[in-house]
């Protein structure tokens, strides 16, 4: 019951913020962010926040001294485990990347390029083959969004499972 209540609250807050952000330019988004008390938001945080939903990133503990590197590592791990290319004609992306694109104020074309820049060589080659084989003008025709599963579960990182952060 508790997790259902928490997840429901998270969904309402996200719906309010995403409605306020929808179809706004970068400047307008910054103004809205400052009104909500979110100045200078860091979009990499998308890959670190875990509300307990099945589609969320792995649960980790981050340190202030090395936060930028840890967020970069979390981003790469999330992309590696959640992006797939099937039959060289579709790139399957998790809904979390859609939220990341909104927060970063980038479109589908820029998102696909960003994904290519942040995945390993094998996946990068698969995405490029998909783009080349389709001969399409828009990335939105290649991207297939994976559904967001709000089913409750926590996945702990290997470091956290082997050695708890409080030890």
N, C-alpha and C. Protein backbone atom coordinates (compact mmCIF):
# COMPACT_ATOMS: atom_id res chain seq x y z
N UNK A 1 0.83 -1.19 0.00
CA UNK A 1 0.00 0.00 0.00
C UNK A 1 0.88 1.26 0.00
N UNK A 2 1.94 1.22 0.81
CA UNK A 2 2.83 2.38 0.91
C UNK A 2 3.50 2.68 -0.42
N UNK A 3 4.03 1.63 -1.08
CA UNK A 3 4.72 1.88 -2.36
C UNK A 3 3.76 2.38 -3.42
N UNK A 4 2.51 1.91 -3.42
CA UNK A 4 1.53 2.38 -4.40
C UNK A 4 1.24 3.86 -4.19
N UNK A 5 1.15 4.28 -2.94
CA UNK A 5 0.91 5.69 -2.63
C UNK A 5 2.08 6.55 -3.07
N UNK A 6 3.30 6.11 -2.78
CA UNK A 6 4.49 6.86 -3.19
C UNK A 6 4.60 6.96 -4.70
N UNK A 7 4.39 5.86 -5.39
CA UNK A 7 4.49 5.88 -6.85
C UNK A 7 3.41 6.75 -7.47
N UNK A 8 2.22 6.75 -6.86
CA UNK A 8 1.14 7.60 -7.37
C UNK A 8 1.50 9.07 -7.22
N UNK A 9 2.08 9.45 -6.07
CA UNK A 9 2.51 10.84 -5.86
C UNK A 9 3.58 11.25 -6.87
N UNK A 10 4.54 10.37 -7.12
CA UNK A 10 5.61 10.66 -8.08
C UNK A 10 5.01 10.89 -9.46
N UNK A 11 4.03 10.07 -9.84
CA UNK A 11 3.40 10.22 -11.15
C UNK A 11 2.66 11.55 -11.27
N UNK A 12 1.98 11.99 -10.20
CA UNK A 12 1.27 13.28 -10.23
C UNK A 12 2.25 14.44 -10.35
N UNK A 13 3.32 14.40 -9.58
CA UNK A 13 4.32 15.47 -9.65
C UNK A 13 4.94 15.53 -11.03
N UNK A 14 5.28 14.37 -11.57
CA UNK A 14 5.86 14.32 -12.92
C UNK A 14 4.88 14.85 -13.95
N UNK A 15 3.59 14.51 -13.81
CA UNK A 15 2.58 14.99 -14.75
C UNK A 15 2.45 16.51 -14.70
N UNK A 16 2.49 17.07 -13.50
CA UNK A 16 2.39 18.53 -13.35
C UNK A 16 3.59 19.21 -13.98
N UNK A 17 4.78 18.72 -13.67
CA UNK A 17 6.00 19.33 -14.22
C UNK A 17 6.09 19.15 -15.73
N UNK A 18 5.74 17.97 -16.23
CA UNK A 18 5.86 17.76 -17.67
C UNK A 18 4.83 18.59 -18.43
N UNK A 19 3.64 18.81 -17.85
CA UNK A 19 2.65 19.67 -18.48
C UNK A 19 3.17 21.10 -18.54
N UNK A 20 3.81 21.54 -17.48
CA UNK A 20 4.36 22.90 -17.47
C UNK A 20 5.50 23.04 -18.47
N UNK A 21 6.23 21.96 -18.69
CA UNK A 21 7.39 22.01 -19.60
C UNK A 21 7.03 21.83 -21.07
N UNK A 22 5.88 21.22 -21.32
CA UNK A 22 5.53 20.84 -22.69
C UNK A 22 5.56 22.04 -23.64
N UNK A 23 6.23 21.84 -24.76
CA UNK A 23 6.30 22.82 -25.86
C UNK A 23 6.85 24.17 -25.41
N UNK A 24 7.79 24.18 -24.52
CA UNK A 24 8.42 25.41 -24.08
C UNK A 24 9.84 25.46 -24.60
N UNK A 25 10.32 26.67 -24.84
CA UNK A 25 11.71 26.83 -25.27
C UNK A 25 12.62 26.67 -24.06
N UNK A 26 13.92 26.59 -24.31
CA UNK A 26 14.88 26.41 -23.22
C UNK A 26 14.80 27.51 -22.18
N UNK A 27 14.65 28.77 -22.63
CA UNK A 27 14.56 29.90 -21.70
C UNK A 27 13.31 29.80 -20.84
N UNK A 28 12.18 29.48 -21.47
CA UNK A 28 10.93 29.36 -20.73
C UNK A 28 11.00 28.22 -19.72
N UNK A 29 11.68 27.13 -20.09
CA UNK A 29 11.82 26.01 -19.17
C UNK A 29 12.63 26.40 -17.94
N UNK A 30 13.69 27.19 -18.15
CA UNK A 30 14.49 27.64 -17.01
C UNK A 30 13.65 28.51 -16.09
N UNK A 31 12.81 29.37 -16.67
CA UNK A 31 11.95 30.22 -15.86
C UNK A 31 10.98 29.38 -15.05
N UNK A 32 10.36 28.39 -15.69
CA UNK A 32 9.43 27.50 -15.00
C UNK A 32 10.16 26.72 -13.92
N UNK A 33 11.36 26.22 -14.23
CA UNK A 33 12.14 25.47 -13.26
C UNK A 33 12.44 26.30 -12.03
N UNK A 34 12.79 27.56 -12.23
CA UNK A 34 13.10 28.42 -11.09
C UNK A 34 11.85 28.68 -10.25
N UNK A 35 10.68 28.74 -10.87
CA UNK A 35 9.44 28.93 -10.12
C UNK A 35 9.11 27.71 -9.27
N UNK A 36 9.48 26.52 -9.75
CA UNK A 36 9.27 25.30 -8.99
C UNK A 36 10.42 25.03 -8.02
N UNK A 37 11.40 25.91 -7.97
CA UNK A 37 12.55 25.73 -7.08
C UNK A 37 13.56 24.75 -7.64
N UNK A 38 13.65 24.66 -8.96
CA UNK A 38 14.58 23.73 -9.59
C UNK A 38 15.55 24.46 -10.50
N UNK A 39 16.28 25.45 -10.00
CA UNK A 39 17.19 26.16 -10.89
C UNK A 39 18.36 25.28 -11.30
N UNK A 40 18.86 25.48 -12.51
CA UNK A 40 20.03 24.75 -13.03
C UNK A 40 19.89 23.24 -12.89
N UNK A 41 18.79 22.72 -13.38
CA UNK A 41 18.58 21.27 -13.25
C UNK A 41 19.62 20.51 -14.07
N UNK A 42 20.03 19.39 -13.57
CA UNK A 42 21.02 18.54 -14.23
C UNK A 42 20.28 17.33 -14.78
N UNK A 43 20.20 17.22 -16.10
CA UNK A 43 19.41 16.16 -16.71
C UNK A 43 19.99 14.76 -16.50
N UNK A 44 21.27 14.65 -16.15
CA UNK A 44 21.85 13.33 -15.88
C UNK A 44 21.24 12.67 -14.64
N UNK A 45 20.60 13.46 -13.81
CA UNK A 45 19.97 12.92 -12.61
C UNK A 45 18.88 11.92 -12.97
N UNK A 46 18.32 12.03 -14.18
CA UNK A 46 17.31 11.05 -14.64
C UNK A 46 17.82 9.62 -14.51
N UNK A 47 19.12 9.43 -14.69
CA UNK A 47 19.70 8.09 -14.68
C UNK A 47 20.13 7.65 -13.28
N UNK A 48 19.84 8.48 -12.28
CA UNK A 48 20.22 8.15 -10.91
C UNK A 48 19.00 7.99 -9.99
N UNK A 49 17.89 8.59 -10.37
CA UNK A 49 16.71 8.55 -9.51
C UNK A 49 15.95 7.24 -9.67
N UNK A 50 15.66 6.62 -8.54
CA UNK A 50 14.96 5.34 -8.54
C UNK A 50 13.79 5.44 -7.57
N UNK A 51 12.57 5.38 -8.10
CA UNK A 51 11.38 5.47 -7.25
C UNK A 51 10.83 4.10 -6.91
N UNK A 52 11.50 3.05 -7.36
CA UNK A 52 11.05 1.70 -7.08
C UNK A 52 10.24 1.09 -8.21
N UNK A 53 10.13 1.78 -9.33
CA UNK A 53 9.41 1.23 -10.48
C UNK A 53 10.32 0.28 -11.25
N UNK A 54 9.72 -0.69 -11.89
CA UNK A 54 10.46 -1.71 -12.65
C UNK A 54 11.36 -1.09 -13.71
N UNK A 55 10.92 0.01 -14.34
CA UNK A 55 11.67 0.64 -15.43
C UNK A 55 12.71 1.65 -14.96
N UNK A 56 12.82 1.86 -13.66
CA UNK A 56 13.77 2.84 -13.13
C UNK A 56 15.20 2.31 -13.15
N UNK A 57 16.17 3.23 -13.05
CA UNK A 57 17.58 2.81 -12.98
C UNK A 57 17.87 2.00 -11.72
N UNK A 58 19.02 1.37 -11.72
CA UNK A 58 19.50 0.59 -10.58
C UNK A 58 19.68 1.51 -9.38
N UNK A 59 19.35 1.00 -8.19
CA UNK A 59 19.50 1.77 -6.96
C UNK A 59 20.97 1.80 -6.55
N UNK A 60 21.51 3.00 -6.39
CA UNK A 60 22.91 3.19 -6.01
C UNK A 60 23.01 4.29 -4.96
N UNK A 61 24.16 4.34 -4.33
CA UNK A 61 24.49 5.43 -3.42
C UNK A 61 25.56 6.27 -4.11
N UNK A 62 25.34 7.57 -4.14
CA UNK A 62 26.27 8.49 -4.81
C UNK A 62 26.98 9.35 -3.77
N UNK A 63 28.22 9.74 -4.09
CA UNK A 63 28.99 10.59 -3.18
C UNK A 63 29.13 11.98 -3.78
N UNK A 64 29.11 12.98 -2.94
CA UNK A 64 29.21 14.36 -3.40
C UNK A 64 30.56 14.65 -4.05
N UNK A 65 31.60 14.03 -3.56
CA UNK A 65 32.94 14.33 -4.06
C UNK A 65 33.17 13.86 -5.51
N UNK A 66 32.41 12.86 -5.93
CA UNK A 66 32.63 12.28 -7.26
C UNK A 66 31.33 12.17 -8.05
N UNK A 67 30.39 13.06 -7.79
CA UNK A 67 29.04 12.92 -8.33
C UNK A 67 28.99 12.95 -9.85
N UNK A 68 29.74 13.81 -10.48
CA UNK A 68 29.70 13.92 -11.95
C UNK A 68 30.12 12.60 -12.61
N UNK A 69 31.22 12.01 -12.16
CA UNK A 69 31.68 10.73 -12.72
C UNK A 69 30.69 9.60 -12.44
N UNK A 70 30.11 9.61 -11.24
CA UNK A 70 29.16 8.57 -10.88
C UNK A 70 27.88 8.68 -11.71
N UNK A 71 27.43 9.90 -11.98
CA UNK A 71 26.25 10.09 -12.83
C UNK A 71 26.54 9.66 -14.27
N UNK A 72 27.73 9.95 -14.75
CA UNK A 72 28.12 9.52 -16.10
C UNK A 72 28.14 7.99 -16.18
N UNK A 73 28.67 7.34 -15.15
CA UNK A 73 28.72 5.88 -15.12
C UNK A 73 27.30 5.30 -15.07
N UNK A 74 26.44 5.91 -14.25
CA UNK A 74 25.05 5.45 -14.15
C UNK A 74 24.34 5.60 -15.49
N UNK A 75 24.61 6.70 -16.19
CA UNK A 75 24.01 6.93 -17.52
C UNK A 75 24.44 5.83 -18.48
N UNK A 76 25.73 5.56 -18.54
CA UNK A 76 26.23 4.55 -19.49
C UNK A 76 25.69 3.15 -19.16
N UNK A 77 25.63 2.81 -17.88
CA UNK A 77 25.09 1.51 -17.48
C UNK A 77 23.61 1.39 -17.86
N UNK A 78 22.85 2.46 -17.61
CA UNK A 78 21.43 2.44 -17.94
C UNK A 78 21.23 2.28 -19.44
N UNK A 79 21.98 3.03 -20.23
CA UNK A 79 21.85 2.94 -21.68
C UNK A 79 22.23 1.55 -22.18
N UNK A 80 23.30 1.00 -21.63
CA UNK A 80 23.78 -0.32 -22.05
C UNK A 80 22.74 -1.41 -21.79
N UNK A 81 22.06 -1.33 -20.66
CA UNK A 81 21.12 -2.39 -20.30
C UNK A 81 19.71 -2.18 -20.84
N UNK A 82 19.37 -0.98 -21.30
CA UNK A 82 17.98 -0.70 -21.67
C UNK A 82 17.73 -0.33 -23.12
N UNK A 83 18.75 -0.29 -23.96
CA UNK A 83 18.56 0.05 -25.37
C UNK A 83 18.79 -1.19 -26.21
N UNK A 84 17.91 -1.38 -27.18
CA UNK A 84 18.04 -2.53 -28.08
C UNK A 84 17.72 -2.12 -29.51
N UNK A 85 18.35 -2.80 -30.45
CA UNK A 85 18.06 -2.62 -31.87
C UNK A 85 17.60 -3.97 -32.40
N UNK A 86 16.43 -4.01 -33.00
CA UNK A 86 15.88 -5.26 -33.51
C UNK A 86 15.77 -5.23 -35.02
N UNK A 87 16.28 -6.26 -35.65
CA UNK A 87 16.19 -6.47 -37.10
C UNK A 87 16.67 -5.27 -37.91
N UNK A 88 17.56 -4.51 -37.37
CA UNK A 88 18.15 -3.35 -38.05
C UNK A 88 17.11 -2.39 -38.63
N UNK A 89 15.95 -2.30 -37.97
CA UNK A 89 14.98 -1.32 -38.46
C UNK A 89 14.32 -0.49 -37.37
N UNK A 90 14.49 -0.85 -36.12
CA UNK A 90 13.93 -0.08 -35.01
C UNK A 90 14.92 -0.02 -33.86
N UNK A 91 15.00 1.16 -33.24
CA UNK A 91 15.80 1.34 -32.04
C UNK A 91 14.81 1.46 -30.89
N UNK A 92 14.89 0.54 -29.95
CA UNK A 92 13.98 0.53 -28.81
C UNK A 92 14.62 1.30 -27.66
N UNK A 93 13.95 2.38 -27.25
CA UNK A 93 14.46 3.25 -26.19
C UNK A 93 13.48 3.26 -25.02
N UNK A 94 13.99 3.29 -23.79
CA UNK A 94 13.11 3.37 -22.63
C UNK A 94 12.49 4.76 -22.50
N UNK A 95 11.32 4.83 -21.89
CA UNK A 95 10.62 6.11 -21.70
C UNK A 95 11.44 7.11 -20.90
N UNK A 96 12.33 6.63 -20.08
CA UNK A 96 13.18 7.52 -19.30
C UNK A 96 13.98 8.44 -20.21
N UNK A 97 14.37 7.95 -21.38
CA UNK A 97 15.11 8.78 -22.33
C UNK A 97 14.23 9.87 -22.93
N UNK A 98 12.94 9.61 -23.01
CA UNK A 98 12.01 10.64 -23.49
C UNK A 98 11.98 11.80 -22.48
N UNK A 99 11.94 11.45 -21.20
CA UNK A 99 11.97 12.48 -20.15
C UNK A 99 13.31 13.22 -20.17
N UNK A 100 14.40 12.49 -20.35
CA UNK A 100 15.72 13.11 -20.44
C UNK A 100 15.76 14.10 -21.60
N UNK A 101 15.21 13.72 -22.75
CA UNK A 101 15.19 14.60 -23.92
C UNK A 101 14.39 15.87 -23.64
N UNK A 102 13.26 15.73 -22.95
CA UNK A 102 12.46 16.91 -22.59
C UNK A 102 13.24 17.84 -21.67
N UNK A 103 13.88 17.27 -20.65
CA UNK A 103 14.63 18.08 -19.69
C UNK A 103 15.85 18.72 -20.33
N UNK A 104 16.41 18.06 -21.32
CA UNK A 104 17.59 18.59 -22.01
C UNK A 104 17.21 19.48 -23.19
N UNK A 105 15.93 19.58 -23.47
CA UNK A 105 15.41 20.37 -24.60
C UNK A 105 16.00 19.93 -25.93
N UNK A 106 16.00 18.61 -26.17
CA UNK A 106 16.48 18.09 -27.45
C UNK A 106 15.39 17.27 -28.12
N UNK A 107 15.41 17.24 -29.43
CA UNK A 107 14.43 16.48 -30.20
C UNK A 107 14.89 15.06 -30.47
N UNK A 108 14.10 14.34 -31.25
CA UNK A 108 14.39 12.93 -31.54
C UNK A 108 15.71 12.74 -32.27
N UNK A 109 15.99 13.62 -33.25
CA UNK A 109 17.25 13.50 -34.00
C UNK A 109 18.46 13.67 -33.09
N UNK A 110 18.40 14.72 -32.25
CA UNK A 110 19.51 14.97 -31.33
C UNK A 110 19.63 13.86 -30.29
N UNK A 111 18.47 13.33 -29.85
CA UNK A 111 18.49 12.25 -28.86
C UNK A 111 19.16 11.00 -29.43
N UNK A 112 18.82 10.65 -30.66
CA UNK A 112 19.42 9.47 -31.28
C UNK A 112 20.93 9.65 -31.46
N UNK A 113 21.34 10.85 -31.82
CA UNK A 113 22.78 11.15 -31.94
C UNK A 113 23.45 11.06 -30.57
N UNK A 114 22.79 11.60 -29.55
CA UNK A 114 23.32 11.57 -28.18
C UNK A 114 23.45 10.11 -27.71
N UNK A 115 22.45 9.29 -28.01
CA UNK A 115 22.50 7.88 -27.64
C UNK A 115 23.70 7.21 -28.31
N UNK A 116 23.88 7.48 -29.61
CA UNK A 116 25.03 6.89 -30.34
C UNK A 116 26.36 7.30 -29.71
N UNK A 117 26.45 8.52 -29.24
CA UNK A 117 27.68 9.01 -28.63
C UNK A 117 27.95 8.40 -27.26
N UNK A 118 26.91 7.82 -26.63
CA UNK A 118 27.05 7.36 -25.25
C UNK A 118 26.89 5.86 -25.05
N UNK A 119 26.88 5.10 -26.14
CA UNK A 119 26.80 3.64 -26.00
C UNK A 119 28.08 3.01 -26.54
N UNK A 120 28.24 1.72 -26.29
CA UNK A 120 29.45 1.03 -26.76
C UNK A 120 29.44 0.90 -28.29
N UNK A 121 30.57 0.53 -28.82
CA UNK A 121 30.78 0.51 -30.27
C UNK A 121 29.82 -0.43 -30.99
N UNK A 122 29.56 -1.59 -30.41
CA UNK A 122 28.68 -2.58 -31.04
C UNK A 122 27.26 -2.03 -31.21
N UNK A 123 26.72 -1.45 -30.15
CA UNK A 123 25.38 -0.88 -30.20
C UNK A 123 25.34 0.34 -31.12
N UNK A 124 26.40 1.12 -31.07
CA UNK A 124 26.52 2.28 -31.95
C UNK A 124 26.45 1.86 -33.42
N UNK A 125 27.18 0.81 -33.78
CA UNK A 125 27.16 0.31 -35.15
C UNK A 125 25.77 -0.19 -35.54
N UNK A 126 25.08 -0.86 -34.61
CA UNK A 126 23.72 -1.34 -34.88
C UNK A 126 22.77 -0.19 -35.15
N UNK A 127 22.88 0.87 -34.37
CA UNK A 127 22.02 2.04 -34.56
C UNK A 127 22.31 2.70 -35.90
N UNK A 128 23.59 2.82 -36.24
CA UNK A 128 23.95 3.42 -37.54
C UNK A 128 23.43 2.57 -38.71
N UNK A 129 23.50 1.24 -38.58
CA UNK A 129 22.96 0.37 -39.63
C UNK A 129 21.45 0.57 -39.77
N UNK A 130 20.79 0.74 -38.63
CA UNK A 130 19.34 0.97 -38.64
C UNK A 130 19.01 2.27 -39.35
N UNK A 131 19.75 3.31 -39.06
CA UNK A 131 19.53 4.62 -39.69
C UNK A 131 19.80 4.53 -41.19
N UNK A 132 20.89 3.88 -41.56
CA UNK A 132 21.27 3.78 -42.97
C UNK A 132 20.31 2.90 -43.77
N UNK A 133 19.84 1.80 -43.17
CA UNK A 133 18.98 0.87 -43.91
C UNK A 133 17.59 1.44 -44.15
N UNK A 134 17.11 2.26 -43.25
CA UNK A 134 15.76 2.82 -43.40
C UNK A 134 15.72 3.97 -44.39
N UNK A 135 16.83 4.67 -44.55
CA UNK A 135 16.88 5.84 -45.43
C UNK A 135 15.75 6.82 -45.13
N UNK A 136 15.51 7.07 -43.86
CA UNK A 136 14.45 7.99 -43.44
C UNK A 136 15.06 9.32 -43.05
N UNK A 137 14.24 10.32 -43.08
CA UNK A 137 14.71 11.67 -42.75
C UNK A 137 14.63 11.94 -41.25
N UNK A 138 13.66 11.33 -40.56
CA UNK A 138 13.44 11.64 -39.15
C UNK A 138 13.78 10.46 -38.24
N UNK A 139 14.40 10.78 -37.13
CA UNK A 139 14.74 9.75 -36.14
C UNK A 139 13.48 9.20 -35.48
N UNK A 140 12.43 10.02 -35.41
CA UNK A 140 11.19 9.58 -34.77
C UNK A 140 10.57 8.38 -35.48
N UNK A 141 10.92 8.17 -36.75
CA UNK A 141 10.41 7.01 -37.49
C UNK A 141 11.19 5.74 -37.15
N UNK A 142 12.35 5.89 -36.57
CA UNK A 142 13.19 4.75 -36.20
C UNK A 142 12.98 4.36 -34.74
N UNK A 143 12.70 5.35 -33.90
CA UNK A 143 12.59 5.12 -32.46
C UNK A 143 11.26 4.46 -32.12
N UNK A 144 11.36 3.42 -31.31
CA UNK A 144 10.19 2.76 -30.74
C UNK A 144 10.33 2.88 -29.23
N UNK A 145 9.34 3.48 -28.57
CA UNK A 145 9.42 3.70 -27.12
C UNK A 145 8.95 2.47 -26.37
N UNK A 146 9.79 1.99 -25.47
CA UNK A 146 9.41 0.88 -24.61
C UNK A 146 8.46 1.40 -23.54
N UNK A 147 7.42 0.65 -23.20
CA UNK A 147 6.47 1.14 -22.19
C UNK A 147 7.13 1.24 -20.81
N UNK A 148 6.69 2.22 -20.04
CA UNK A 148 7.19 2.41 -18.69
C UNK A 148 6.41 1.49 -17.77
N UNK A 149 7.11 0.66 -17.04
CA UNK A 149 6.47 -0.25 -16.10
C UNK A 149 6.60 0.30 -14.69
N UNK A 150 5.46 0.61 -14.08
CA UNK A 150 5.50 1.15 -12.72
C UNK A 150 5.38 0.05 -11.66
N UNK A 151 5.43 -1.20 -12.10
CA UNK A 151 5.43 -2.32 -11.16
C UNK A 151 6.58 -2.14 -10.17
N UNK A 152 6.32 -2.39 -8.90
CA UNK A 152 7.29 -2.09 -7.85
C UNK A 152 8.41 -3.12 -7.78
N UNK A 153 9.66 -2.62 -7.78
CA UNK A 153 10.84 -3.45 -7.52
C UNK A 153 12.06 -2.54 -7.37
N UNK A 154 13.00 -2.98 -6.58
CA UNK A 154 14.29 -2.30 -6.47
C UNK A 154 15.37 -3.24 -6.98
N UNK A 155 16.25 -2.74 -7.83
CA UNK A 155 17.42 -3.49 -8.27
C UNK A 155 18.62 -2.78 -7.67
N UNK A 156 19.38 -3.50 -6.85
CA UNK A 156 20.54 -2.91 -6.20
C UNK A 156 21.78 -3.08 -7.07
N UNK A 157 22.63 -2.08 -7.06
CA UNK A 157 23.88 -2.16 -7.82
C UNK A 157 24.78 -3.22 -7.19
N UNK A 158 25.71 -3.74 -7.99
CA UNK A 158 26.64 -4.76 -7.49
C UNK A 158 27.45 -4.25 -6.31
N UNK A 159 27.92 -3.00 -6.41
CA UNK A 159 28.73 -2.44 -5.31
C UNK A 159 27.93 -2.37 -4.02
N UNK A 160 26.66 -2.00 -4.13
CA UNK A 160 25.81 -1.87 -2.95
C UNK A 160 25.49 -3.24 -2.36
N UNK A 161 25.32 -4.24 -3.21
CA UNK A 161 25.00 -5.58 -2.74
C UNK A 161 26.21 -6.24 -2.08
N UNK A 162 27.41 -5.99 -2.61
CA UNK A 162 28.62 -6.61 -2.07
C UNK A 162 29.08 -5.93 -0.79
N UNK A 163 29.06 -4.61 -0.81
CA UNK A 163 29.55 -3.86 0.35
C UNK A 163 28.59 -2.70 0.61
N UNK A 164 27.76 -2.80 1.65
CA UNK A 164 26.81 -1.73 1.94
C UNK A 164 27.52 -0.40 2.17
N UNK A 165 26.86 0.70 1.81
CA UNK A 165 27.45 2.03 1.90
C UNK A 165 27.73 2.46 3.33
N UNK A 166 27.03 1.89 4.30
CA UNK A 166 27.22 2.32 5.68
C UNK A 166 28.39 1.62 6.36
N UNK A 167 29.01 0.64 5.68
CA UNK A 167 30.14 -0.08 6.28
C UNK A 167 31.42 0.65 6.02
